[in-house]
Amino acid sequence: MNISFIFPGQGSQYKGMGKNLFNKFDYAKYLFTMSNEILEYDLKSICLNENNNDIDKTKYTQPAIFIYSMIIDYLLKDSGYNPISFAGHSLGEYSALVSSKCISFENALKIIKVRAEGMHSSEEKDAGKMAAIINSDLTVINQLIKRYKGSIVIANYNSLNQTVVSGKSKSIDQLINYSKKNNIKVIPLKVSGAFHSPLMNNAKISLKKIINSTKFYDIIQPIYQNVNPMKNFKSINIKNNLIKQLTSPVKWVDTINNMGKDGSNQFIEVGPGSTLSKLNKNINSNILCTNCNKLKELL
């Protein structure tokens, strides 16, 4: 089997996330302790407390998912799993970069802190919204969003039957109402901002600064990035793609198809939830994909 690791992004979090891992594995305790020092707040209590609603706030969600994914990544590799390539959906790309040894855990978390806080600030200025359009081809979707004169863009090419759009709140609301009247299935997403759209431009400024000042390494096993879903090895190209990612669409369909063409025949979703496993099944029904959101499935 040629195994590839894929890492989920925002939306896969849940209350109490990581509690079982923390109670069972010393490595989980180590990463949470280190993370609290880097973030300068108690992320452990936010993650492990099943009654804490802060887990759904972008500022905390992003580092929480990243840390959970990194614990699973360590445990999988410690159990003998050796991926030939890597990819991550949006936020998950940072986990993929650490797993591929392009960047250290500590530096990735520092970048994520800036990214999450910048996106949180953008949400407060102009929150925006996102929505998933189901079972419509791209021609129909592009015609649909043209009605809103640039205030809505495609954010995620997630699967053959799911494309996510992002934009100003008023425009997304109008799109949803129009779609209902015209038998187009649109599902509003439970996110607090218009991710992967121009509304994230302010957050991109601070993100670009910290990425450019951080050490990235060339890698041996490729990462397929959201902006450029081909084999990427060179640190300078990886950096540029990562900066563009915040305001550009996630090309997940191309990512999975290209990884398959390049020899990956088993995907392991490394992190909470099973979102990517479900998307992959729709992209290619022959794809073998396992998710590790439950401890008993890991070891």
Protein backbone atom coordinates (compact mmCIF):
# COMPACT_ATOMS: atom_id res chain seq x y z
CA MET A 1 0.00 0.00 0.00
CA ASN A 2 1.17 3.52 -0.84
CA ILE A 3 -0.25 5.54 2.04
CA SER A 4 -0.81 9.28 2.01
CA PHE A 5 -1.72 11.40 5.03
CA ILE A 6 -4.48 14.00 4.62
CA PHE A 7 -5.35 16.51 7.34
CA PRO A 8 -8.78 18.11 7.97
CA GLY A 9 -9.45 21.79 8.49
CA GLN A 10 -11.82 24.00 10.42
CA GLY A 11 -15.26 22.53 11.05
CA SER A 12 -14.03 19.12 12.22
CA GLN A 13 -13.68 20.21 15.85
CA TYR A 14 -15.92 19.06 18.70
CA LYS A 15 -16.22 19.70 22.43
CA GLY A 16 -13.89 17.57 24.52
CA MET A 17 -11.62 17.00 21.52
CA GLY A 18 -8.40 15.30 22.59
CA LYS A 19 -9.54 14.28 26.07
CA ASN A 20 -8.98 10.55 25.51
CA LEU A 21 -5.61 11.18 23.89
CA PHE A 22 -4.49 13.43 26.73
CA ASN A 23 -5.45 10.88 29.35
CA LYS A 24 -3.67 8.01 27.60
CA PHE A 25 -0.54 9.34 25.89
CA ASP A 26 2.39 11.28 27.31
CA TYR A 27 3.04 12.81 23.90
CA ALA A 28 -0.38 14.44 23.99
CA LYS A 29 0.40 15.95 27.39
CA TYR A 30 3.72 17.21 26.03
CA LEU A 31 2.18 18.92 23.00
CA PHE A 32 -0.60 20.58 24.99
CA THR A 33 1.93 21.89 27.53
CA MET A 34 4.16 23.26 24.78
CA SER A 35 1.17 24.76 23.00
CA ASN A 36 -0.04 26.63 26.07
CA GLU A 37 3.38 28.27 26.32
CA ILE A 38 3.44 29.30 22.65
CA LEU A 39 -0.17 30.49 22.49
CA GLU A 40 -0.06 32.18 25.92
CA TYR A 41 -3.49 30.88 26.89
CA ASP A 42 -4.81 27.58 28.17
CA LEU A 43 -5.84 25.75 25.03
CA LYS A 44 -5.87 22.45 26.93
CA SER A 45 -8.85 23.52 29.04
CA ILE A 46 -10.68 24.76 25.94
CA CYS A 47 -10.17 21.44 24.15
CA LEU A 48 -10.72 18.98 26.97
CA ASN A 49 -13.69 20.67 28.66
CA GLU A 50 -16.81 19.20 27.10
CA ASN A 51 -18.85 22.24 28.17
CA ASN A 52 -16.58 24.91 26.71
CA ASN A 53 -18.05 26.64 23.65
CA ASP A 54 -14.79 28.46 22.86
CA ILE A 55 -13.68 25.47 20.78
CA ASP A 56 -15.90 26.84 17.98
CA LYS A 57 -14.25 30.28 17.90
CA THR A 58 -11.76 30.60 15.03
CA LYS A 59 -9.07 31.94 17.34
CA TYR A 60 -9.10 28.68 19.31
CA THR A 61 -10.46 26.23 16.74
CA GLN A 62 -7.46 26.37 14.45
CA PRO A 63 -4.70 25.61 16.97
CA ALA A 64 -6.95 22.99 18.60
CA ILE A 65 -7.42 21.02 15.38
CA PHE A 66 -3.75 21.39 14.52
CA ILE A 67 -2.59 20.01 17.88
CA TYR A 68 -5.05 17.11 17.78
CA SER A 69 -3.89 16.23 14.26
CA MET A 70 -0.24 16.34 15.28
CA ILE A 71 -0.83 13.94 18.15
CA ILE A 72 -2.53 11.49 15.78
CA ASP A 73 0.28 11.97 13.24
CA TYR A 74 2.88 11.05 15.86
CA LEU A 75 0.96 7.98 17.03
CA LEU A 76 0.43 6.72 13.49
CA LYS A 77 4.10 7.04 12.60
CA ASP A 78 5.08 5.47 15.91
CA SER A 79 2.83 2.54 14.95
CA GLY A 80 4.69 2.05 11.65
CA TYR A 81 2.73 4.09 9.13
CA ASN A 82 5.02 5.72 6.55
CA PRO A 83 3.24 8.10 4.16
CA ILE A 84 4.59 8.73 0.66
CA SER A 85 2.89 12.13 0.35
CA PHE A 86 0.82 14.70 2.24
CA ALA A 87 -2.06 17.13 1.82
CA GLY A 88 -4.29 19.18 4.08
CA HIS A 89 -7.60 20.96 3.59
CA SER A 90 -7.18 24.68 4.34
CA LEU A 91 -5.92 24.80 7.96
CA GLY A 92 -4.94 21.14 7.56
CA GLU A 93 -2.17 22.17 5.19
CA TYR A 94 -0.14 23.34 8.21
CA SER A 95 -0.40 19.89 9.78
CA ALA A 96 0.70 18.38 6.47
CA LEU A 97 3.74 20.67 6.41
CA VAL A 98 4.82 19.56 9.86
CA SER A 99 4.25 15.90 9.03
CA SER A 100 6.35 16.24 5.87
CA LYS A 101 9.16 17.91 7.88
CA CYS A 102 8.88 21.16 5.93
CA ILE A 103 8.41 23.13 9.15
CA SER A 104 8.68 22.50 12.87
CA PHE A 105 5.66 22.03 15.11
CA GLU A 106 6.57 25.12 17.14
CA ASN A 107 6.92 27.39 14.11
CA ALA A 108 3.72 26.07 12.55
CA LEU A 109 1.78 26.82 15.74
CA LYS A 110 3.21 30.35 15.85
CA ILE A 111 2.00 30.91 12.29
CA ILE A 112 -1.41 29.40 13.05
CA LYS A 113 -1.77 31.72 16.02
CA VAL A 114 -1.26 34.73 13.74
CA ARG A 115 -3.51 33.23 11.06
CA ALA A 116 -6.34 32.44 13.48
CA GLU A 117 -6.19 35.84 15.19
CA GLY A 118 -6.06 37.64 11.85
CA MET A 119 -9.04 35.71 10.53
CA HIS A 120 -10.91 36.34 13.79
CA SER A 121 -10.32 40.09 13.39
CA SER A 122 -11.50 39.96 9.77
CA GLU A 123 -14.66 38.19 10.90
CA GLU A 124 -15.40 40.99 13.37
CA LYS A 125 -14.94 43.70 10.70
CA ASP A 126 -16.96 42.00 7.97
CA ALA A 127 -17.93 38.50 9.04
CA GLY A 128 -19.11 37.21 5.72
CA LYS A 129 -20.57 33.74 5.25
CA MET A 130 -19.99 30.48 3.42
CA ALA A 131 -22.40 28.02 1.83
CA ALA A 132 -22.14 24.64 0.14
CA ILE A 133 -23.81 24.17 -3.23
CA ILE A 134 -24.84 20.54 -3.70
CA ASN A 135 -25.23 18.55 -6.94
CA SER A 136 -24.68 21.48 -9.31
CA ASP A 137 -21.99 21.57 -11.98
CA LEU A 138 -19.47 24.38 -12.15
CA THR A 139 -21.14 26.03 -15.13
CA VAL A 140 -24.34 26.49 -13.14
CA ILE A 141 -22.41 27.66 -10.07
CA ASN A 142 -20.37 30.22 -12.00
CA GLN A 143 -23.54 31.59 -13.60
CA LEU A 144 -25.15 31.75 -10.18
CA ILE A 145 -22.40 33.73 -8.47
CA LYS A 146 -22.09 36.15 -11.40
CA ARG A 147 -25.41 37.56 -10.22
CA TYR A 148 -23.60 39.02 -7.19
CA LYS A 149 -20.97 41.03 -9.08
CA GLY A 150 -17.82 39.77 -7.37
CA SER A 151 -19.15 39.73 -3.81
CA ILE A 152 -19.23 35.90 -3.87
CA VAL A 153 -16.38 33.60 -4.96
CA ILE A 154 -15.76 29.86 -5.03
CA ALA A 155 -13.89 28.93 -1.86
CA ASN A 156 -13.62 25.12 -2.00
CA TYR A 157 -13.79 22.64 -4.85
CA ASN A 158 -14.54 19.90 -2.33
CA SER A 159 -15.95 17.01 -4.37
CA LEU A 160 -17.89 16.24 -7.52
CA ASN A 161 -21.16 17.18 -5.84
CA GLN A 162 -20.07 19.84 -3.34
CA THR A 163 -18.66 23.28 -4.09
CA VAL A 164 -18.39 25.87 -1.35
CA VAL A 165 -18.84 29.59 -1.99
CA SER A 166 -17.74 32.45 0.22
CA GLY A 167 -18.61 36.12 0.37
CA LYS A 168 -20.38 39.03 1.97
CA SER A 169 -23.16 38.03 4.35
CA LYS A 170 -25.91 39.90 2.49
CA SER A 171 -24.91 38.35 -0.84
CA ILE A 172 -24.74 34.80 0.56
CA ASP A 173 -28.18 35.25 2.13
CA GLN A 174 -29.54 36.46 -1.23
CA LEU A 175 -27.95 33.48 -3.00
CA ILE A 176 -29.55 31.06 -0.55
CA ASN A 177 -32.99 32.63 -1.03
CA TYR A 178 -32.63 32.68 -4.82
CA SER A 179 -31.50 29.05 -4.84
CA LYS A 180 -34.50 27.90 -2.80
CA LYS A 181 -36.83 29.44 -5.39
CA ASN A 182 -34.95 27.82 -8.26
CA ASN A 183 -34.50 24.30 -6.88
CA ILE A 184 -30.76 24.64 -6.30
CA LYS A 185 -29.65 22.96 -3.10
CA VAL A 186 -27.53 25.28 -0.96
CA ILE A 187 -26.54 24.62 2.66
CA PRO A 188 -25.26 27.50 4.84
CA LEU A 189 -22.10 26.51 6.70
CA LYS A 190 -21.57 26.96 10.42
CA VAL A 191 -18.49 29.14 10.13
CA SER A 192 -17.95 32.68 11.33
CA GLY A 193 -16.29 34.21 8.29
CA ALA A 194 -15.85 34.25 4.51
CA PHE A 195 -12.74 32.09 4.33
CA HIS A 196 -10.76 31.74 1.09
CA SER A 197 -12.15 35.00 -0.26
CA PRO A 198 -10.94 38.60 -0.64
CA LEU A 199 -12.56 39.37 2.73
CA MET A 200 -9.49 37.69 4.27
CA ASN A 201 -7.05 40.17 2.70
CA ASN A 202 -6.35 41.99 5.97
CA ALA A 203 -5.48 38.72 7.69
CA LYS A 204 -3.18 37.87 4.79
CA ILE A 205 -0.90 40.83 5.56
CA SER A 206 0.21 39.61 8.98
CA LEU A 207 0.27 35.99 7.77
CA LYS A 208 2.61 36.82 4.91
CA LYS A 209 4.99 38.59 7.27
CA ILE A 210 5.38 35.66 9.68
CA ILE A 211 5.56 33.03 6.94
CA ASN A 212 8.34 34.92 5.15
CA SER A 213 10.29 35.25 8.41
CA THR A 214 9.97 31.54 9.31
CA LYS A 215 12.36 28.77 8.30
CA PHE A 216 10.86 26.27 5.86
CA TYR A 217 12.80 23.28 4.50
CA ASP A 218 12.82 21.52 1.15
CA ILE A 219 11.16 18.12 1.52
CA ILE A 220 11.76 14.64 0.14
CA GLN A 221 8.16 13.38 0.05
CA PRO A 222 5.79 15.81 -1.69
CA ILE A 223 2.96 17.91 -0.35
CA TYR A 224 0.00 18.70 -2.60
CA GLN A 225 -1.11 22.20 -1.72
CA ASN A 226 -4.54 23.83 -1.88
CA VAL A 227 -3.41 26.50 -4.35
CA ASN A 228 -1.12 24.22 -6.38
CA PRO A 229 -2.37 20.62 -6.11
CA MET A 230 0.69 19.12 -7.79
CA LYS A 231 3.86 17.70 -6.23
CA ASN A 232 5.56 20.44 -4.21
CA PHE A 233 9.05 19.98 -2.75
CA LYS A 234 10.75 23.39 -2.66
CA SER A 235 10.38 25.52 0.46
CA ILE A 236 10.17 28.83 -1.42
CA ASN A 237 7.28 27.59 -3.57
CA ILE A 238 5.56 26.04 -0.55
CA LYS A 239 5.74 29.38 1.28
CA ASN A 240 4.25 31.31 -1.63
CA ASN A 241 1.43 28.81 -2.05
CA LEU A 242 0.67 28.97 1.66
CA ILE A 243 0.39 32.76 1.62
CA LYS A 244 -1.97 32.67 -1.37
CA GLN A 245 -4.10 29.99 0.26
CA LEU A 246 -5.93 32.34 2.63
CA THR A 247 -7.68 34.22 -0.19
CA SER A 248 -7.70 31.49 -2.86
CA PRO A 249 -9.92 28.43 -3.37
CA VAL A 250 -9.08 24.99 -1.99
CA LYS A 251 -8.66 22.66 -5.00
CA TRP A 252 -9.42 19.44 -3.16
CA VAL A 253 -10.77 17.47 -6.12
CA ASP A 254 -7.57 18.08 -8.10
CA THR A 255 -5.47 17.32 -5.02
CA ILE A 256 -6.92 13.86 -4.49
CA ASN A 257 -7.01 12.99 -8.18
CA ASN A 258 -3.37 14.01 -8.64
CA MET A 259 -2.23 12.08 -5.58
CA GLY A 260 -4.01 9.02 -6.93
CA LYS A 261 -2.38 9.39 -10.35
CA ASP A 262 1.00 9.68 -8.64
CA GLY A 263 0.59 6.34 -6.86
CA SER A 264 -1.33 6.92 -3.63
CA ASN A 265 -3.85 4.12 -3.17
CA GLN A 266 -4.73 4.56 0.51
CA PHE A 267 -5.51 7.79 2.33
CA ILE A 268 -5.54 8.20 6.09
CA GLU A 269 -7.42 11.19 7.47
CA VAL A 270 -5.19 12.36 10.30
CA GLY A 271 -7.27 14.41 12.70
CA PRO A 272 -10.77 14.77 14.12
CA GLY A 273 -13.85 13.81 12.16
CA SER A 274 -14.38 12.08 8.82
CA THR A 275 -15.11 15.02 6.49
CA LEU A 276 -12.28 14.30 4.07
CA SER A 277 -13.03 10.59 3.93
CA LYS A 278 -16.57 11.40 2.79
CA LEU A 279 -15.39 13.94 0.22
CA ASN A 280 -12.82 11.52 -1.17
CA LYS A 281 -15.44 8.82 -1.62
CA ASN A 282 -17.41 11.19 -3.82
CA ILE A 283 -14.34 12.20 -5.82
CA ASN A 284 -13.47 8.58 -6.55
CA SER A 285 -15.55 5.68 -5.23
CA ASN A 286 -12.53 3.38 -5.56
CA ILE A 287 -10.48 5.42 -3.10
CA LEU A 288 -9.57 3.62 0.11
CA CYS A 289 -9.74 6.17 2.91
CA THR A 290 -9.58 5.63 6.68
CA ASN A 291 -10.26 8.23 9.34
CA CYS A 292 -8.71 8.18 12.80
CA ASN A 293 -11.16 10.24 14.77
CA LYS A 294 -11.69 7.52 17.36
CA LEU A 295 -8.87 6.26 19.57
CA LYS A 296 -9.86 2.63 19.17
CA GLU A 297 -9.45 2.96 15.39
CA LEU A 298 -5.91 4.29 15.76
CA LEU A 299 -4.09 1.49 17.58
